[in-house]
PDB file of N, CA and C in Angstrom:
ATOM      1  N   MET A   1     103.228  88.130 105.160  1.00  0.00           N
ATOM      2  CA  MET A   1     102.210  87.678 104.186  1.00  0.00           C
ATOM      3  C   MET A   1     101.348  88.291 102.856  1.00  0.00           C
ATOM      4  N   SER A   2     101.369  87.872 101.740  1.00  0.00           N
ATOM      5  CA  SER A   2     101.263  89.165 101.036  1.00  0.00           C
ATOM      6  C   SER A   2      99.536  87.769  99.600  1.00  0.00           C
ATOM      7  N   LYS A   3      98.337  88.215  99.800  1.00  0.00           N
ATOM      8  CA  LYS A   3      97.402  87.538  99.448  1.00  0.00           C
ATOM      9  C   LYS A   3      96.888  86.522  98.133  1.00  0.00           C
ATOM     10  N   ARG A   4      97.443  86.051  97.891  1.00  0.00           N
ATOM     11  CA  ARG A   4      97.090  86.043  96.613  1.00  0.00           C
ATOM     12  C   ARG A   4      95.955  85.664  95.439  1.00  0.00           C
ATOM     13  N   ILE A   5      95.999  86.192  94.586  1.00  0.00           N
ATOM     14  CA  ILE A   5      95.053  86.819  93.442  1.00  0.00           C
ATOM     15  C   ILE A   5      93.821  85.174  93.355  1.00  0.00           C
ATOM     16  N   HIS A   6      95.722  84.574  92.337  1.00  0.00           N
ATOM     17  CA  HIS A   6      94.926  83.300  91.907  1.00  0.00           C
ATOM     18  C   HIS A   6      96.390  82.621  92.156  1.00  0.00           C
ATOM     19  N   PRO A   7      95.785  80.611  92.439  1.00  0.00           N
ATOM     20  CA  PRO A   7      96.797  80.500  92.419  1.00  0.00           C
ATOM     21  C   PRO A   7      98.247  79.700  91.629  1.00  0.00           C
ATOM     22  N   PRO A   8      99.367  78.724  91.821  1.00  0.00           N
ATOM     23  CA  PRO A   8     100.341  79.180  91.030  1.00  0.00           C
ATOM     24  C   PRO A   8      99.987  77.256  90.378  1.00  0.00           C
ATOM     25  N   ALA A   9      99.541  76.937  89.300  1.00  0.00           N
ATOM     26  CA  ALA A   9      99.397  76.317  88.536  1.00  0.00           C
ATOM     27  C   ALA A   9     100.058  74.957  88.750  1.00  0.00           C
ATOM     28  N   GLY A  10      97.847  74.587  89.207  1.00  0.00           N
ATOM     29  CA  GLY A  10      98.198  73.121  89.917  1.00  0.00           C
ATOM     30  C   GLY A  10      97.653  72.793  90.886  1.00  0.00           C
ATOM     31  N   ARG A  11      96.575  73.598  91.764  1.00  0.00           N
ATOM     32  CA  ARG A  11      96.832  74.353  93.665  1.00  0.00           C
ATOM     33  C   ARG A  11      95.367  74.887  92.963  1.00  0.00           C
ATOM     34  N   ALA A  12      94.122  74.121  94.181  1.00  0.00           N
ATOM     35  CA  ALA A  12      92.748  75.286  94.178  1.00  0.00           C
ATOM     36  C   ALA A  12      93.059  76.413  95.427  1.00  0.00           C
ATOM     37  N   ASP A  13      92.407  76.403  94.755  1.00  0.00           N
ATOM     38  CA  ASP A  13      92.222  78.428  95.573  1.00  0.00           C
ATOM     39  C   ASP A  13      92.295  78.790  97.326  1.00  0.00           C
ATOM     40  N   THR A  14      93.156  78.170  98.165  1.00  0.00           N
ATOM     41  CA  THR A  14      92.427  78.634  99.703  1.00  0.00           C
ATOM     42  C   THR A  14      92.327  79.392 100.274  1.00  0.00           C
ATOM     43  N   SER A  15      92.885  80.191  99.136  1.00  0.00           N
ATOM     44  CA  SER A  15      93.019  81.843 100.160  1.00  0.00           C
ATOM     45  C   SER A  15      91.855  82.673 100.347  1.00  0.00           C
ATOM     46  N   PRO A  16      91.449  83.533 101.311  1.00  0.00           N
ATOM     47  CA  PRO A  16      90.652  83.803 101.777  1.00  0.00           C
ATOM     48  C   PRO A  16      90.290  84.773 101.096  1.00  0.00           C
ATOM     49  N   ALA A  17      89.041  85.055 101.762  1.00  0.00           N
ATOM     50  CA  ALA A  17      88.821  86.166 100.910  1.00  0.00           C
ATOM     51  C   ALA A  17      89.283  87.503 101.284  1.00  0.00           C
ATOM     52  N   ILE A  18      89.220  88.913 101.272  1.00  0.00           N
ATOM     53  CA  ILE A  18      89.686  89.932 101.682  1.00  0.00           C
ATOM     54  C   ILE A  18      88.603  90.227 102.409  1.00  0.00           C
ATOM     55  N   ALA A  19      89.087  90.408 104.135  1.00  0.00           N
ATOM     56  CA  ALA A  19      87.954  91.112 104.842  1.00  0.00           C
ATOM     57  C   ALA A  19      87.237  92.211 104.663  1.00  0.00           C
ATOM     58  N   PRO A  20      86.179  92.693 104.978  1.00  0.00           N
ATOM     59  CA  PRO A  20      85.391  94.003 104.310  1.00  0.00           C
ATOM     60  C   PRO A  20      85.741  95.289 104.648  1.00  0.00           C
ATOM     61  N   GLU A  21      86.245  96.229 104.675  1.00  0.00           N
ATOM     62  CA  GLU A  21      86.017  97.356 105.410  1.00  0.00           C
ATOM     63  C   GLU A  21      85.500  98.684 104.893  1.00  0.00           C
ATOM     64  N   PRO A  22      84.992 100.229 105.603  1.00  0.00           N
ATOM     65  CA  PRO A  22      84.575 100.691 105.148  1.00  0.00           C
ATOM     66  C   PRO A  22      84.983 100.586 104.584  1.00  0.00           C
ATOM     67  N   ALA A  23      84.622 101.696 103.684  1.00  0.00           N
ATOM     68  CA  ALA A  23      85.495 102.361 101.757  1.00  0.00           C
ATOM     69  C   ALA A  23      84.756 103.859 102.536  1.00  0.00           C
ATOM     70  N   PRO A  24      86.518 104.899 102.081  1.00  0.00           N
ATOM     71  CA  PRO A  24      86.548 106.064 102.711  1.00  0.00           C
ATOM     72  C   PRO A  24      85.147 106.847 102.725  1.00  0.00           C
ATOM     73  N   GLU A  25      85.298 107.916 103.263  1.00  0.00           N
ATOM     74  CA  GLU A  25      84.070 108.957 103.996  1.00  0.00           C
ATOM     75  C   GLU A  25      83.545 108.882 102.794  1.00  0.00           C
ATOM     76  N   SER A  26      84.137 109.548 101.409  1.00  0.00           N
ATOM     77  CA  SER A  26      84.219 110.725 100.669  1.00  0.00           C
ATOM     78  C   SER A  26      83.382 109.945  99.374  1.00  0.00           C
ATOM     79  N   ASP A  27      83.093 108.738  99.629  1.00  0.00           N
ATOM     80  CA  ASP A  27      83.099 108.303  97.790  1.00  0.00           C
ATOM     81  C   ASP A  27      82.269 106.872  98.591  1.00  0.00           C
ATOM     82  N   ASP A  28      81.226 106.393  99.505  1.00  0.00           N
ATOM     83  CA  ASP A  28      80.792 105.144  99.983  1.00  0.00           C
ATOM     84  C   ASP A  28      79.359 104.630  98.163  1.00  0.00           C
ATOM     85  N   SER A  29      79.886 105.536  97.083  1.00  0.00           N
ATOM     86  CA  SER A  29      78.601 104.248  96.087  1.00  0.00           C
ATOM     87  C   SER A  29      79.072 103.854  95.703  1.00  0.00           C
ATOM     88  N   PRO A  30      78.463 102.924  94.835  1.00  0.00           N
ATOM     89  CA  PRO A  30      79.188 101.236  94.883  1.00  0.00           C
ATOM     90  C   PRO A  30      80.551 101.582  93.795  1.00  0.00           C
ATOM     91  N   LEU A  31      80.956 103.054  92.701  1.00  0.00           N
ATOM     92  CA  LEU A  31      81.254 102.935  92.146  1.00  0.00           C
ATOM     93  C   LEU A  31      82.648 103.176  93.423  1.00  0.00           C
ATOM     94  N   GLY A  32      82.563 104.433  94.670  1.00  0.00           N
ATOM     95  CA  GLY A  32      83.119 104.289  94.555  1.00  0.00           C
ATOM     96  C   GLY A  32      83.810 103.190  95.873  1.00  0.00           C
ATOM     97  N   ARG A  33      83.253 102.215  96.049  1.00  0.00           N
ATOM     98  CA  ARG A  33      83.441 101.132  96.824  1.00  0.00           C
ATOM     99  C   ARG A  33      83.946 100.240  95.802  1.00  0.00           C
ATOM    100  N   VAL A  34      83.519 100.140  94.566  1.00  0.00           N
ATOM    101  CA  VAL A  34      84.922  99.218  93.951  1.00  0.00           C
ATOM    102  C   VAL A  34      86.257  99.431  94.048  1.00  0.00           C
ATOM    103  N   ARG A  35      86.475 100.643  93.974  1.00  0.00           N
ATOM    104  CA  ARG A  35      87.621 100.610  93.823  1.00  0.00           C
ATOM    105  C   ARG A  35      87.974 100.199  94.534  1.00  0.00           C
ATOM    106  N   ALA A  36      87.588 100.941  95.541  1.00  0.00           N
ATOM    107  CA  ALA A  36      88.941 100.623  97.165  1.00  0.00           C
ATOM    108  C   ALA A  36      89.002  98.851  96.763  1.00  0.00           C
ATOM    109  N   VAL A  37      88.215  98.517  96.599  1.00  0.00           N
ATOM    110  CA  VAL A  37      88.436  97.364  96.729  1.00  0.00           C
ATOM    111  C   VAL A  37      89.399  96.409  95.791  1.00  0.00           C
ATOM    112  N   LEU A  38      89.004  96.931  94.359  1.00  0.00           N
ATOM    113  CA  LEU A  38      89.844  96.724  93.845  1.00  0.00           C
ATOM    114  C   LEU A  38      91.408  97.656  94.220  1.00  0.00           C
ATOM    115  N   GLU A  39      91.193  98.396  95.158  1.00  0.00           N
ATOM    116  CA  GLU A  39      93.358  99.620  95.371  1.00  0.00           C
ATOM    117  C   GLU A  39      93.870  98.061  96.954  1.00  0.00           C
ATOM    118  N   ARG A  40      92.530  97.443  97.352  1.00  0.00           N
ATOM    119  CA  ARG A  40      93.905  96.358  97.926  1.00  0.00           C
ATOM    120  C   ARG A  40      93.001  95.500  97.850  1.00  0.00           C
ATOM    121  N   MET A  41      93.662  94.683  96.939  1.00  0.00           N
ATOM    122  CA  MET A  41      93.627  93.283  95.820  1.00  0.00           C
ATOM    123  C   MET A  41      95.075  93.709  94.604  1.00  0.00           C
ATOM    124  N   ARG A  42      95.055  95.201  94.668  1.00  0.00           N
ATOM    125  CA  ARG A  42      96.000  95.634  93.455  1.00  0.00           C
ATOM    126  C   ARG A  42      97.365  94.380  94.166  1.00  0.00           C
ATOM    127  N   PRO A  43      97.954  95.077  94.990  1.00  0.00           N
ATOM    128  CA  PRO A  43      99.790  94.153  95.343  1.00  0.00           C
ATOM    129  C   PRO A  43      99.219  92.813  95.592  1.00  0.00           C
ATOM    130  N   ALA A  44      98.234  92.522  95.278  1.00  0.00           N
ATOM    131  CA  ALA A  44      99.192  90.834  94.859  1.00  0.00           C
ATOM    132  C   ALA A  44      99.221  90.527  93.929  1.00  0.00           C
ATOM    133  N   VAL A  45      98.429  91.254  92.936  1.00  0.00           N
ATOM    134  CA  VAL A  45      98.375  91.063  91.591  1.00  0.00           C
ATOM    135  C   VAL A  45      99.030  91.475  90.715  1.00  0.00           C
ATOM    136  N   GLN A  46      99.934  92.491  91.325  1.00  0.00           N
ATOM    137  CA  GLN A  46     101.368  93.324  90.984  1.00  0.00           C
ATOM    138  C   GLN A  46     102.167  92.636  91.937  1.00  0.00           C
ATOM    139  N   ASP A  47     102.134  91.708  92.800  1.00  0.00           N
ATOM    140  CA  ASP A  47     103.593  91.398  93.050  1.00  0.00           C
ATOM    141  C   ASP A  47     103.475  89.754  92.378  1.00  0.00           C
ATOM    142  N   ASP A  48     102.497  89.742  91.102  1.00  0.00           N
ATOM    143  CA  ASP A  48     102.456  88.562  90.157  1.00  0.00           C
ATOM    144  C   ASP A  48     103.146  89.077  88.837  1.00  0.00           C
ATOM    145  N   GLY A  49     103.959  91.218  88.404  1.00  0.00           N
ATOM    146  CA  GLY A  49     103.916  90.895  87.778  1.00  0.00           C
ATOM    147  C   GLY A  49     102.320  91.624  86.317  1.00  0.00           C
ATOM    148  N   GLY A  50     101.084  91.215  87.526  1.00  0.00           N
ATOM    149  CA  GLY A  50     100.394  92.388  86.766  1.00  0.00           C
ATOM    150  C   GLY A  50     100.273  93.638  86.932  1.00  0.00           C
ATOM    151  N   ASP A  51      98.381  93.737  86.607  1.00  0.00           N
ATOM    152  CA  ASP A  51      97.952  94.991  87.705  1.00  0.00           C
ATOM    153  C   ASP A  51      96.650  94.240  86.446  1.00  0.00           C
ATOM    154  N   VAL A  52      95.860  95.567  87.518  1.00  0.00           N
ATOM    155  CA  VAL A  52      93.833  96.001  87.178  1.00  0.00           C
ATOM    156  C   VAL A  52      93.733  97.015  87.517  1.00  0.00           C
ATOM    157  N   GLU A  53      93.076  97.390  86.462  1.00  0.00           N
ATOM    158  CA  GLU A  53      92.065  98.879  86.175  1.00  0.00           C
ATOM    159  C   GLU A  53      90.751  98.455  85.731  1.00  0.00           C
ATOM    160  N   LEU A  54      89.759  98.878  86.286  1.00  0.00           N
ATOM    161  CA  LEU A  54      88.526  99.036  85.933  1.00  0.00           C
ATOM    162  C   LEU A  54      88.079 100.374  84.982  1.00  0.00           C
ATOM    163  N   ILE A  55      87.736 100.206  84.124  1.00  0.00           N
ATOM    164  CA  ILE A  55      87.214 100.526  82.998  1.00  0.00           C
ATOM    165  C   ILE A  55      85.983 101.491  83.805  1.00  0.00           C
ATOM    166  N   GLU A  56      84.939 100.401  83.838  1.00  0.00           N
ATOM    167  CA  GLU A  56      83.229 101.153  84.077  1.00  0.00           C
ATOM    168  C   GLU A  56      82.463  99.646  84.941  1.00  0.00           C
ATOM    169  N   LEU A  57      81.882 100.617  85.982  1.00  0.00           N
ATOM    170  CA  LEU A  57      80.494 100.180  86.247  1.00  0.00           C
ATOM    171  C   LEU A  57      79.582 100.223  86.035  1.00  0.00           C
ATOM    172  N   THR A  58      78.598  99.453  85.024  1.00  0.00           N
ATOM    173  CA  THR A  58      77.334  98.945  84.068  1.00  0.00           C
ATOM    174  C   THR A  58      76.235  99.841  84.907  1.00  0.00           C
ATOM    175  N   ASP A  59      75.946 100.731  84.642  1.00  0.00           N
ATOM    176  CA  ASP A  59      74.277 100.247  85.414  1.00  0.00           C
ATOM    177  C   ASP A  59      73.223  99.035  86.097  1.00  0.00           C
ATOM    178  N   ASP A  60      73.916  97.434  84.987  1.00  0.00           N
ATOM    179  CA  ASP A  60      73.412  96.414  85.304  1.00  0.00           C
ATOM    180  C   ASP A  60      74.011  96.612  86.889  1.00  0.00           C
ATOM    181  N   GLY A  61      75.166  97.005  87.361  1.00  0.00           N
ATOM    182  CA  GLY A  61      76.873  96.443  87.871  1.00  0.00           C
ATOM    183  C   GLY A  61      77.441  95.259  88.409  1.00  0.00           C
ATOM    184  N   VAL A  62      77.626  95.466  86.450  1.00  0.00           N
ATOM    185  CA  VAL A  62      78.653  94.368  86.412  1.00  0.00           C
ATOM    186  C   VAL A  62      79.714  95.873  86.085  1.00  0.00           C
ATOM    187  N   ALA A  63      80.792  94.997  86.629  1.00  0.00           N
ATOM    188  CA  ALA A  63      82.341  95.507  86.861  1.00  0.00           C
ATOM    189  C   ALA A  63      83.300  95.302  85.537  1.00  0.00           C
ATOM    190  N   ARG A  64      82.852  96.123  84.770  1.00  0.00           N
ATOM    191  CA  ARG A  64      83.708  95.574  82.776  1.00  0.00           C
ATOM    192  C   ARG A  64      85.680  96.278  83.425  1.00  0.00           C
ATOM    193  N   ILE A  65      86.790  94.817  83.974  1.00  0.00           N
ATOM    194  CA  ILE A  65      87.788  95.264  84.589  1.00  0.00           C
ATOM    195  C   ILE A  65      89.319  94.960  83.034  1.00  0.00           C
ATOM    196  N   ARG A  66      89.743  95.673  82.903  1.00  0.00           N
ATOM    197  CA  ARG A  66      90.798  95.412  82.170  1.00  0.00           C
ATOM    198  C   ARG A  66      92.281  94.817  83.062  1.00  0.00           C
ATOM    199  N   LEU A  67      93.030  94.094  82.570  1.00  0.00           N
ATOM    200  CA  LEU A  67      93.570  93.647  82.559  1.00  0.00           C
ATOM    201  C   LEU A  67      94.898  93.648  82.130  1.00  0.00           C
ATOM    202  N   HIS A  68      96.382  93.904  82.989  1.00  0.00           N
ATOM    203  CA  HIS A  68      97.275  94.233  82.385  1.00  0.00           C
ATOM    204  C   HIS A  68      98.423  93.297  82.882  1.00  0.00           C
ATOM    205  N   GLY A  69      99.699  93.581  81.948  1.00  0.00           N
ATOM    206  CA  GLY A  69     100.902  93.145  82.619  1.00  0.00           C
ATOM    207  C   GLY A  69     100.627  91.652  82.047  1.00  0.00           C
ATOM    208  N   ASN A  70     102.211  91.501  83.657  1.00  0.00           N
ATOM    209  CA  ASN A  70     101.547  89.336  82.818  1.00  0.00           C
ATOM    210  C   ASN A  70     100.312  88.594  83.156  1.00  0.00           C
ATOM    211  N   CYS A  71      99.360  89.518  83.752  1.00  0.00           N
ATOM    212  CA  CYS A  71      98.295  89.244  83.432  1.00  0.00           C
ATOM    213  C   CYS A  71      97.249  88.560  81.856  1.00  0.00           C
ATOM    214  N   VAL A  72      97.665  89.133  80.821  1.00  0.00           N
ATOM    215  CA  VAL A  72      97.558  89.870  79.773  1.00  0.00           C
ATOM    216  C   VAL A  72      98.603  88.195  78.976  1.00  0.00           C
ATOM    217  N   GLY A  73      97.578  86.884  79.060  1.00  0.00           N
ATOM    218  CA  GLY A  73      97.266  86.241  78.140  1.00  0.00           C
ATOM    219  C   GLY A  73      98.118  85.187  79.141  1.00  0.00           C
ATOM    220  N   CYS A  74      97.465  85.602  80.623  1.00  0.00           N
ATOM    221  CA  CYS A  74      98.305  84.092  81.208  1.00  0.00           C
ATOM    222  C   CYS A  74      96.859  83.564  81.622  1.00  0.00           C
ATOM    223  N   PRO A  75      96.732  82.252  81.138  1.00  0.00           N
ATOM    224  CA  PRO A  75      96.372  80.361  82.179  1.00  0.00           C
ATOM    225  C   PRO A  75      95.045  80.383  82.554  1.00  0.00           C
ATOM    226  N   SER A  76      95.611  81.467  84.239  1.00  0.00           N
ATOM    227  CA  SER A  76      95.117  82.193  85.110  1.00  0.00           C
ATOM    228  C   SER A  76      94.602  83.536  84.868  1.00  0.00           C
ATOM    229  N   SER A  77      94.464  83.937  84.041  1.00  0.00           N
ATOM    230  CA  SER A  77      93.817  85.302  84.274  1.00  0.00           C
ATOM    231  C   SER A  77      92.172  85.132  84.468  1.00  0.00           C
ATOM    232  N   SER A  78      91.514  84.520  84.403  1.00  0.00           N
ATOM    233  CA  SER A  78      90.427  84.365  84.536  1.00  0.00           C
ATOM    234  C   SER A  78      89.926  83.278  85.765  1.00  0.00           C
ATOM    235  N   MET A  79      90.657  83.237  86.497  1.00  0.00           N
ATOM    236  CA  MET A  79      90.751  82.723  87.989  1.00  0.00           C
ATOM    237  C   MET A  79      90.860  83.745  88.355  1.00  0.00           C
ATOM    238  N   THR A  80      91.824  84.419  87.673  1.00  0.00           N
ATOM    239  CA  THR A  80      92.122  85.486  89.261  1.00  0.00           C
ATOM    240  C   THR A  80      90.586  86.384  88.512  1.00  0.00           C
ATOM    241  N   LEU A  81      89.792  86.521  87.689  1.00  0.00           N
ATOM    242  CA  LEU A  81      89.326  87.163  87.270  1.00  0.00           C
ATOM    243  C   LEU A  81      87.850  86.621  88.021  1.00  0.00           C
ATOM    244  N   HIS A  82      87.226  85.537  88.192  1.00  0.00           N
ATOM    245  CA  HIS A  82      86.035  85.288  88.501  1.00  0.00           C
ATOM    246  C   HIS A  82      86.514  84.798  90.149  1.00  0.00           C
ATOM    247  N   MET A  83      87.215  83.996  90.443  1.00  0.00           N
ATOM    248  CA  MET A  83      87.618  83.585  91.304  1.00  0.00           C
ATOM    249  C   MET A  83      87.722  84.467  92.291  1.00  0.00           C
ATOM    250  N   GLY A  84      89.070  84.931  92.115  1.00  0.00           N
ATOM    251  CA  GLY A  84      89.733  86.531  92.822  1.00  0.00           C
ATOM    252  C   GLY A  84      88.689  87.773  93.278  1.00  0.00           C
ATOM    253  N   ILE A  85      88.605  88.721  91.677  1.00  0.00           N
ATOM    254  CA  ILE A  85      88.678  90.209  91.207  1.00  0.00           C
ATOM    255  C   ILE A  85      86.909  89.828  92.000  1.00  0.00           C
ATOM    256  N   GLU A  86      85.508  88.498  91.220  1.00  0.00           N
ATOM    257  CA  GLU A  86      84.813  89.065  91.009  1.00  0.00           C
ATOM    258  C   GLU A  86      84.161  88.330  92.641  1.00  0.00           C
ATOM    259  N   ARG A  87      84.979  87.479  93.314  1.00  0.00           N
ATOM    260  CA  ARG A  87      83.975  86.840  93.940  1.00  0.00           C
ATOM    261  C   ARG A  87      84.052  88.035  95.070  1.00  0.00           C
ATOM    262  N   ASN A  88      85.033  88.962  95.128  1.00  0.00           N
ATOM    263  CA  ASN A  88      85.340  89.395  96.631  1.00  0.00           C
ATOM    264  C   ASN A  88      84.774  90.951  96.154  1.00  0.00           C
ATOM    265  N   LEU A  89      84.390  91.651  94.751  1.00  0.00           N
ATOM    266  CA  LEU A  89      83.442  92.395  94.569  1.00  0.00           C
ATOM    267  C   LEU A  89      81.974  92.456  94.935  1.00  0.00           C
ATOM    268  N   ARG A  90      81.743  90.755  95.007  1.00  0.00           N
ATOM    269  CA  ARG A  90      80.253  90.200  94.844  1.00  0.00           C
ATOM    270  C   ARG A  90      79.910  90.311  96.541  1.00  0.00           C
ATOM    271  N   GLN A  91      81.115  90.026  97.243  1.00  0.00           N
ATOM    272  CA  GLN A  91      80.727  90.188  98.458  1.00  0.00           C
ATOM    273  C   GLN A  91      80.506  90.860  99.377  1.00  0.00           C
ATOM    274  N   LEU A  92      81.729  92.169  98.437  1.00  0.00           N
ATOM    275  CA  LEU A  92      82.640  93.719  99.707  1.00  0.00           C
ATOM    276  C   LEU A  92      81.444  94.357  98.653  1.00  0.00           C
ATOM    277  N   VAL A  93      80.671  94.223  97.432  1.00  0.00           N
ATOM    278  CA  VAL A  93      80.066  95.824  96.712  1.00  0.00           C
ATOM    279  C   VAL A  93      78.554  94.359  96.136  1.00  0.00           C
ATOM    280  N   PRO A  94      77.873  95.273  97.421  1.00  0.00           N
ATOM    281  CA  PRO A  94      76.827  94.056  96.667  1.00  0.00           C
ATOM    282  C   PRO A  94      75.578  94.025  96.218  1.00  0.00           C
ATOM    283  N   GLU A  95      75.992  95.651  94.597  1.00  0.00           N
ATOM    284  CA  GLU A  95      75.750  95.881  93.654  1.00  0.00           C
ATOM    285  C   GLU A  95      75.948  95.746  92.530  1.00  0.00           C
ATOM    286  N   VAL A  96      77.185  94.674  92.749  1.00  0.00           N
ATOM    287  CA  VAL A  96      77.989  94.315  91.977  1.00  0.00           C
ATOM    288  C   VAL A  96      77.343  92.616  91.605  1.00  0.00           C
ATOM    289  N   THR A  97      76.958  92.326  90.146  1.00  0.00           N
ATOM    290  CA  THR A  97      75.956  91.755  90.066  1.00  0.00           C
ATOM    291  C   THR A  97      76.925  90.880  88.876  1.00  0.00           C
ATOM    292  N   GLY A  98      78.237  91.104  88.837  1.00  0.00           N
ATOM    293  CA  GLY A  98      79.555  90.111  87.513  1.00  0.00           C
ATOM    294  C   GLY A  98      80.513  90.542  87.893  1.00  0.00           C
ATOM    295  N   VAL A  99      81.161  90.212  86.796  1.00  0.00           N
ATOM    296  CA  VAL A  99      82.300  90.955  86.562  1.00  0.00           C
ATOM    297  C   VAL A  99      83.270  91.045  84.977  1.00  0.00           C
ATOM    298  N   GLU A 100      82.784  91.856  84.015  1.00  0.00           N
ATOM    299  CA  GLU A 100      83.692  91.159  82.457  1.00  0.00           C
ATOM    300  C   GLU A 100      84.792  91.781  81.774  1.00  0.00           C
ATOM    301  N   GLN A 101      85.750  90.791  82.054  1.00  0.00           N
ATOM    302  CA  GLN A 101      87.018  91.769  81.177  1.00  0.00           C
ATOM    303  C   GLN A 101      86.901  92.123  80.122  1.00  0.00           C
ATOM    304  N   VAL A 102      87.899  93.522  79.735  1.00  0.00           N
ATOM    305  CA  VAL A 102      87.507  94.397  78.470  1.00  0.00           C
ATOM    306  C   VAL A 102      89.229  94.028  78.375  1.00  0.00           C
ATOM    307  N   ASP A 103      89.427  94.238  77.261  1.00  0.00           N
ATOM    308  CA  ASP A 103      90.666  94.450  75.655  1.00  0.00           C
ATOM    309  C   ASP A 103      91.068  95.573  75.828  1.00  0.00           C
TER     310      ASP A 103
END
């Protein structure tokens, strides 16, 4: 059963946060942990015909994200970004202070 990052239109998000797993030993930096979390979330986004790309993690902890595919222009993309991606990143990578979408 795949986890949905955003619910279908008209439904509240009731999916649990992704359970924390240790980041690969080779890169325990905040950037490496952000990449690891996004890699774990990517299949759920791809199931809906989209994708997610990390552009950068700023010095003040903002993960700059680009959405691709069906996520572009989707009315639920803001919910995906903030209630799915941002929520998980802030929970699993405490250095992340927020998420910003870039075009």
